[in-house]
Amino acid sequence: MSREERRAYQRMTRKQDPYALPSSGPARARLQRQERIKARRAATSAPPGTITRRFLAWAIGGGALVGLTAFSLAWPSGMPFAGYVGGGVAVAWMLAAFGLRALAGRNAARR
């Protein structure tokens, strides 16, 4: 948007409240639909700290990726050491992920 177009737009919308709720039919319907979707997501979402498929995929995939990266970086020092480093970093990733998940569950239980 050019400067001239922006100024023209500001002149058109000068007296309008930017935080006003939509008053037209389609805009109100869209707002209600979004609120229904948000309420449905909140009702079906798992409570914090639970082990879900998405979390398992994130933890295992992240562990594999980080372990492979560590294995690749440690490769010049020799094979057994590189394997130990890669495996150790992957296990550390998994322990950190499950530890953070457990802390999230504990903090959610306190509230």
N, C-alpha and C. Protein backbone atom coordinates (compact mmCIF):
# COMPACT_ATOMS: atom_id res chain seq x y z
N MET A 1 0.85 -1.16 0.00
CA MET A 1 0.00 0.00 0.00
C MET A 1 0.91 1.23 0.00
N SER A 2 0.61 2.13 -0.89
CA SER A 2 1.43 3.33 -0.99
C SER A 2 1.04 4.32 0.10
N ARG A 3 1.84 5.34 0.25
CA ARG A 3 1.57 6.35 1.27
C ARG A 3 0.25 7.06 0.99
N GLU A 4 0.01 7.34 -0.27
CA GLU A 4 -1.23 8.01 -0.65
C GLU A 4 -2.46 7.13 -0.35
N GLU A 5 -2.34 5.86 -0.66
CA GLU A 5 -3.46 4.95 -0.39
C GLU A 5 -3.70 4.80 1.12
N ARG A 6 -2.62 4.73 1.87
CA ARG A 6 -2.75 4.60 3.31
C ARG A 6 -3.41 5.83 3.91
N ARG A 7 -3.05 7.02 3.44
CA ARG A 7 -3.68 8.24 3.94
C ARG A 7 -5.16 8.30 3.58
N ALA A 8 -5.48 7.87 2.38
CA ALA A 8 -6.89 7.84 1.97
C ALA A 8 -7.67 6.86 2.83
N TYR A 9 -7.08 5.71 3.13
CA TYR A 9 -7.73 4.73 3.99
C TYR A 9 -7.93 5.28 5.40
N GLN A 10 -6.94 6.00 5.92
CA GLN A 10 -7.06 6.59 7.25
C GLN A 10 -8.13 7.67 7.28
N ARG A 11 -8.28 8.42 6.17
CA ARG A 11 -9.33 9.43 6.11
C ARG A 11 -10.70 8.76 6.13
N MET A 12 -10.83 7.61 5.46
CA MET A 12 -12.11 6.92 5.41
C MET A 12 -12.48 6.31 6.76
N THR A 13 -11.50 5.86 7.48
CA THR A 13 -11.79 5.15 8.73
C THR A 13 -11.47 5.99 9.96
N ARG A 14 -11.46 7.28 9.85
CA ARG A 14 -11.02 8.14 10.94
C ARG A 14 -11.91 8.03 12.17
N LYS A 15 -13.21 8.04 12.03
CA LYS A 15 -14.12 8.09 13.17
C LYS A 15 -14.59 6.70 13.61
N GLN A 16 -14.00 5.65 13.12
CA GLN A 16 -14.44 4.30 13.45
C GLN A 16 -13.65 3.74 14.62
N ASP A 17 -14.33 2.97 15.44
CA ASP A 17 -13.68 2.33 16.58
C ASP A 17 -13.03 1.02 16.11
N PRO A 18 -11.71 0.91 16.21
CA PRO A 18 -11.07 -0.31 15.71
C PRO A 18 -11.37 -1.54 16.57
N TYR A 19 -11.86 -1.35 17.79
CA TYR A 19 -12.12 -2.46 18.70
C TYR A 19 -13.61 -2.82 18.79
N ALA A 20 -14.43 -2.18 17.95
CA ALA A 20 -15.87 -2.45 17.97
C ALA A 20 -16.14 -3.86 17.45
N LEU A 21 -17.15 -4.50 18.04
CA LEU A 21 -17.54 -5.83 17.58
C LEU A 21 -18.23 -5.71 16.23
N PRO A 22 -18.11 -6.73 15.39
CA PRO A 22 -18.75 -6.67 14.08
C PRO A 22 -20.27 -6.63 14.22
N SER A 23 -20.89 -5.77 13.44
CA SER A 23 -22.34 -5.63 13.54
C SER A 23 -23.06 -6.22 12.34
N SER A 24 -22.35 -6.49 11.27
CA SER A 24 -23.02 -7.03 10.09
C SER A 24 -23.26 -8.52 10.27
N GLY A 25 -24.19 -9.07 9.54
CA GLY A 25 -24.58 -10.47 9.65
C GLY A 25 -23.45 -11.45 9.40
N PRO A 26 -22.78 -11.38 8.25
CA PRO A 26 -21.70 -12.34 7.97
C PRO A 26 -20.54 -12.23 8.95
N ALA A 27 -20.20 -11.03 9.35
CA ALA A 27 -19.09 -10.87 10.29
C ALA A 27 -19.45 -11.44 11.66
N ARG A 28 -20.68 -11.22 12.10
CA ARG A 28 -21.12 -11.76 13.38
C ARG A 28 -21.18 -13.29 13.33
N ALA A 29 -21.63 -13.83 12.20
CA ALA A 29 -21.69 -15.28 12.05
C ALA A 29 -20.29 -15.88 12.07
N ARG A 30 -19.33 -15.21 11.43
CA ARG A 30 -17.95 -15.70 11.43
C ARG A 30 -17.37 -15.67 12.83
N LEU A 31 -17.66 -14.62 13.60
CA LEU A 31 -17.17 -14.51 14.97
C LEU A 31 -17.77 -15.62 15.84
N GLN A 32 -19.07 -15.90 15.69
CA GLN A 32 -19.69 -16.97 16.46
C GLN A 32 -19.12 -18.34 16.08
N ARG A 33 -18.85 -18.54 14.79
CA ARG A 33 -18.28 -19.81 14.33
C ARG A 33 -16.88 -20.00 14.93
N GLN A 34 -16.10 -18.93 14.95
CA GLN A 34 -14.76 -19.03 15.54
C GLN A 34 -14.83 -19.33 17.03
N GLU A 35 -15.80 -18.75 17.72
CA GLU A 35 -15.95 -19.02 19.16
C GLU A 35 -16.37 -20.48 19.39
N ARG A 36 -17.25 -21.02 18.54
CA ARG A 36 -17.64 -22.42 18.67
C ARG A 36 -16.46 -23.35 18.44
N ILE A 37 -15.64 -23.03 17.43
CA ILE A 37 -14.46 -23.85 17.14
C ILE A 37 -13.48 -23.80 18.32
N LYS A 38 -13.29 -22.62 18.89
CA LYS A 38 -12.38 -22.48 20.03
C LYS A 38 -12.89 -23.26 21.23
N ALA A 39 -14.19 -23.22 21.48
CA ALA A 39 -14.76 -23.96 22.60
C ALA A 39 -14.64 -25.47 22.37
N ARG A 40 -14.84 -25.92 21.13
CA ARG A 40 -14.72 -27.35 20.83
C ARG A 40 -13.29 -27.82 21.02
N ARG A 41 -12.32 -27.01 20.59
CA ARG A 41 -10.92 -27.38 20.77
C ARG A 41 -10.55 -27.45 22.25
N ALA A 42 -11.06 -26.50 23.03
CA ALA A 42 -10.76 -26.50 24.46
C ALA A 42 -11.37 -27.72 25.14
N ALA A 43 -12.54 -28.16 24.67
CA ALA A 43 -13.19 -29.31 25.28
C ALA A 43 -12.51 -30.62 24.92
N THR A 44 -11.96 -30.72 23.72
CA THR A 44 -11.36 -31.98 23.28
C THR A 44 -9.86 -32.05 23.52
N SER A 45 -9.24 -30.96 23.92
CA SER A 45 -7.79 -31.00 24.12
C SER A 45 -7.46 -31.72 25.42
N ALA A 46 -6.32 -32.39 25.41
CA ALA A 46 -5.89 -33.13 26.59
C ALA A 46 -5.37 -32.16 27.64
N PRO A 47 -5.54 -32.48 28.91
CA PRO A 47 -5.01 -31.60 29.95
C PRO A 47 -3.49 -31.58 29.91
N PRO A 48 -2.88 -30.51 30.42
CA PRO A 48 -1.42 -30.42 30.39
C PRO A 48 -0.77 -31.56 31.16
N GLY A 49 0.32 -32.07 30.61
CA GLY A 49 1.06 -33.13 31.28
C GLY A 49 0.72 -34.52 30.79
N THR A 50 -0.29 -34.67 29.95
CA THR A 50 -0.63 -36.01 29.46
C THR A 50 0.25 -36.35 28.26
N ILE A 51 0.46 -37.63 28.07
CA ILE A 51 1.28 -38.12 26.97
C ILE A 51 0.36 -38.39 25.78
N THR A 52 0.49 -37.59 24.74
CA THR A 52 -0.34 -37.74 23.54
C THR A 52 0.51 -38.26 22.39
N ARG A 53 -0.15 -38.64 21.32
CA ARG A 53 0.57 -39.09 20.14
C ARG A 53 1.45 -37.98 19.56
N ARG A 54 0.92 -36.78 19.59
CA ARG A 54 1.69 -35.65 19.06
C ARG A 54 2.97 -35.43 19.87
N PHE A 55 2.83 -35.51 21.20
CA PHE A 55 4.01 -35.35 22.05
C PHE A 55 5.02 -36.47 21.81
N LEU A 56 4.54 -37.71 21.70
CA LEU A 56 5.46 -38.82 21.46
C LEU A 56 6.19 -38.65 20.13
N ALA A 57 5.46 -38.22 19.10
CA ALA A 57 6.11 -38.00 17.80
C ALA A 57 7.15 -36.90 17.91
N TRP A 58 6.83 -35.84 18.65
CA TRP A 58 7.77 -34.73 18.81
C TRP A 58 9.00 -35.19 19.59
N ALA A 59 8.80 -35.94 20.67
CA ALA A 59 9.92 -36.37 21.51
C ALA A 59 10.80 -37.37 20.78
N ILE A 60 10.20 -38.37 20.14
CA ILE A 60 11.00 -39.40 19.45
C ILE A 60 11.67 -38.82 18.21
N GLY A 61 10.92 -38.04 17.43
CA GLY A 61 11.50 -37.42 16.23
C GLY A 61 12.61 -36.44 16.57
N GLY A 62 12.39 -35.64 17.60
CA GLY A 62 13.42 -34.69 18.02
C GLY A 62 14.64 -35.41 18.55
N GLY A 63 14.43 -36.48 19.31
CA GLY A 63 15.56 -37.26 19.82
C GLY A 63 16.37 -37.88 18.70
N ALA A 64 15.67 -38.41 17.69
CA ALA A 64 16.38 -39.00 16.55
C ALA A 64 17.18 -37.94 15.79
N LEU A 65 16.56 -36.78 15.59
CA LEU A 65 17.25 -35.73 14.84
C LEU A 65 18.45 -35.19 15.61
N VAL A 66 18.29 -34.95 16.89
CA VAL A 66 19.39 -34.42 17.71
C VAL A 66 20.49 -35.48 17.86
N GLY A 67 20.09 -36.74 18.03
CA GLY A 67 21.07 -37.81 18.16
C GLY A 67 21.87 -38.00 16.88
N LEU A 68 21.20 -37.91 15.74
CA LEU A 68 21.90 -38.04 14.47
C LEU A 68 22.85 -36.87 14.24
N THR A 69 22.43 -35.69 14.64
CA THR A 69 23.30 -34.51 14.51
C THR A 69 24.54 -34.66 15.39
N ALA A 70 24.35 -35.10 16.62
CA ALA A 70 25.48 -35.30 17.53
C ALA A 70 26.39 -36.41 17.02
N PHE A 71 25.80 -37.47 16.48
CA PHE A 71 26.58 -38.56 15.90
C PHE A 71 27.43 -38.04 14.73
N SER A 72 26.83 -37.21 13.88
CA SER A 72 27.56 -36.66 12.74
C SER A 72 28.69 -35.75 13.17
N LEU A 73 28.44 -34.95 14.22
CA LEU A 73 29.49 -34.04 14.69
C LEU A 73 30.63 -34.79 15.37
N ALA A 74 30.32 -35.92 16.01
CA ALA A 74 31.36 -36.67 16.71
C ALA A 74 32.02 -37.72 15.81
N TRP A 75 31.59 -37.83 14.57
CA TRP A 75 32.10 -38.86 13.67
C TRP A 75 33.62 -38.80 13.46
N PRO A 76 34.25 -37.64 13.33
CA PRO A 76 35.70 -37.63 13.09
C PRO A 76 36.52 -38.27 14.20
N SER A 77 35.98 -38.39 15.40
CA SER A 77 36.76 -38.97 16.49
C SER A 77 36.70 -40.49 16.52
N GLY A 78 35.93 -41.11 15.68
CA GLY A 78 35.89 -42.57 15.62
C GLY A 78 34.49 -43.10 15.84
N MET A 79 34.30 -44.33 15.36
CA MET A 79 32.96 -44.89 15.37
C MET A 79 32.39 -45.22 16.74
N PRO A 80 33.02 -45.96 17.60
CA PRO A 80 32.28 -46.29 18.83
C PRO A 80 31.95 -45.05 19.65
N PHE A 81 32.88 -44.12 19.73
CA PHE A 81 32.64 -42.90 20.49
C PHE A 81 31.51 -42.09 19.88
N ALA A 82 31.46 -42.00 18.56
CA ALA A 82 30.40 -41.24 17.88
C ALA A 82 29.04 -41.86 18.16
N GLY A 83 28.97 -43.18 18.16
CA GLY A 83 27.71 -43.86 18.47
C GLY A 83 27.26 -43.59 19.90
N TYR A 84 28.20 -43.61 20.83
CA TYR A 84 27.87 -43.34 22.22
C TYR A 84 27.38 -41.90 22.40
N VAL A 85 28.05 -40.98 21.72
CA VAL A 85 27.65 -39.57 21.82
C VAL A 85 26.25 -39.38 21.24
N GLY A 86 26.00 -39.93 20.05
CA GLY A 86 24.69 -39.79 19.43
C GLY A 86 23.59 -40.41 20.28
N GLY A 87 23.82 -41.61 20.79
CA GLY A 87 22.83 -42.25 21.65
C GLY A 87 22.61 -41.50 22.95
N GLY A 88 23.69 -41.01 23.53
CA GLY A 88 23.57 -40.27 24.78
C GLY A 88 22.79 -38.98 24.62
N VAL A 89 23.06 -38.26 23.54
CA VAL A 89 22.34 -37.01 23.31
C VAL A 89 20.86 -37.29 23.02
N ALA A 90 20.57 -38.37 22.27
CA ALA A 90 19.18 -38.72 21.99
C ALA A 90 18.44 -39.08 23.28
N VAL A 91 19.08 -39.84 24.16
CA VAL A 91 18.47 -40.19 25.43
C VAL A 91 18.28 -38.95 26.30
N ALA A 92 19.26 -38.05 26.29
CA ALA A 92 19.14 -36.81 27.06
C ALA A 92 17.97 -35.98 26.56
N TRP A 93 17.78 -35.93 25.26
CA TRP A 93 16.64 -35.20 24.67
C TRP A 93 15.33 -35.79 25.16
N MET A 94 15.23 -37.12 25.13
CA MET A 94 14.00 -37.78 25.55
C MET A 94 13.74 -37.54 27.04
N LEU A 95 14.78 -37.63 27.86
CA LEU A 95 14.61 -37.38 29.30
C LEU A 95 14.17 -35.94 29.55
N ALA A 96 14.76 -35.00 28.82
CA ALA A 96 14.37 -33.60 28.97
C ALA A 96 12.92 -33.39 28.55
N ALA A 97 12.52 -34.01 27.44
CA ALA A 97 11.15 -33.85 26.97
C ALA A 97 10.14 -34.41 27.97
N PHE A 98 10.39 -35.61 28.47
CA PHE A 98 9.47 -36.20 29.43
C PHE A 98 9.51 -35.47 30.78
N GLY A 99 10.68 -34.96 31.15
CA GLY A 99 10.78 -34.19 32.38
C GLY A 99 9.99 -32.89 32.29
N LEU A 100 10.09 -32.20 31.17
CA LEU A 100 9.32 -30.97 30.99
C LEU A 100 7.83 -31.26 30.95
N ARG A 101 7.44 -32.40 30.35
CA ARG A 101 6.03 -32.78 30.31
C ARG A 101 5.52 -33.05 31.72
N ALA A 102 6.34 -33.72 32.54
CA ALA A 102 5.95 -33.99 33.92
C ALA A 102 5.83 -32.71 34.73
N LEU A 103 6.75 -31.76 34.51
CA LEU A 103 6.65 -30.47 35.21
C LEU A 103 5.41 -29.71 34.78
N ALA A 104 5.05 -29.78 33.50
CA ALA A 104 3.83 -29.10 33.05
C ALA A 104 2.60 -29.71 33.71
N GLY A 105 2.59 -31.02 33.86
CA GLY A 105 1.48 -31.66 34.54
C GLY A 105 1.40 -31.30 36.01
N ARG A 106 2.55 -31.20 36.67
CA ARG A 106 2.57 -30.82 38.08
C ARG A 106 2.10 -29.39 38.27
N ASN A 107 2.57 -28.49 37.39
CA ASN A 107 2.16 -27.10 37.51
C ASN A 107 0.68 -26.92 37.21
N ALA A 108 0.14 -27.70 36.29
CA ALA A 108 -1.28 -27.60 35.98
C ALA A 108 -2.11 -28.14 37.14
N ALA A 109 -1.60 -29.14 37.84
CA ALA A 109 -2.35 -29.69 38.98
C ALA A 109 -2.39 -28.73 40.15
N ARG A 110 -1.40 -27.87 40.28
CA ARG A 110 -1.36 -26.90 41.37
C ARG A 110 -2.38 -25.79 41.21
N ARG A 111 -2.76 -25.49 40.00
CA ARG A 111 -3.66 -24.35 39.74
C ARG A 111 -5.08 -24.69 39.98
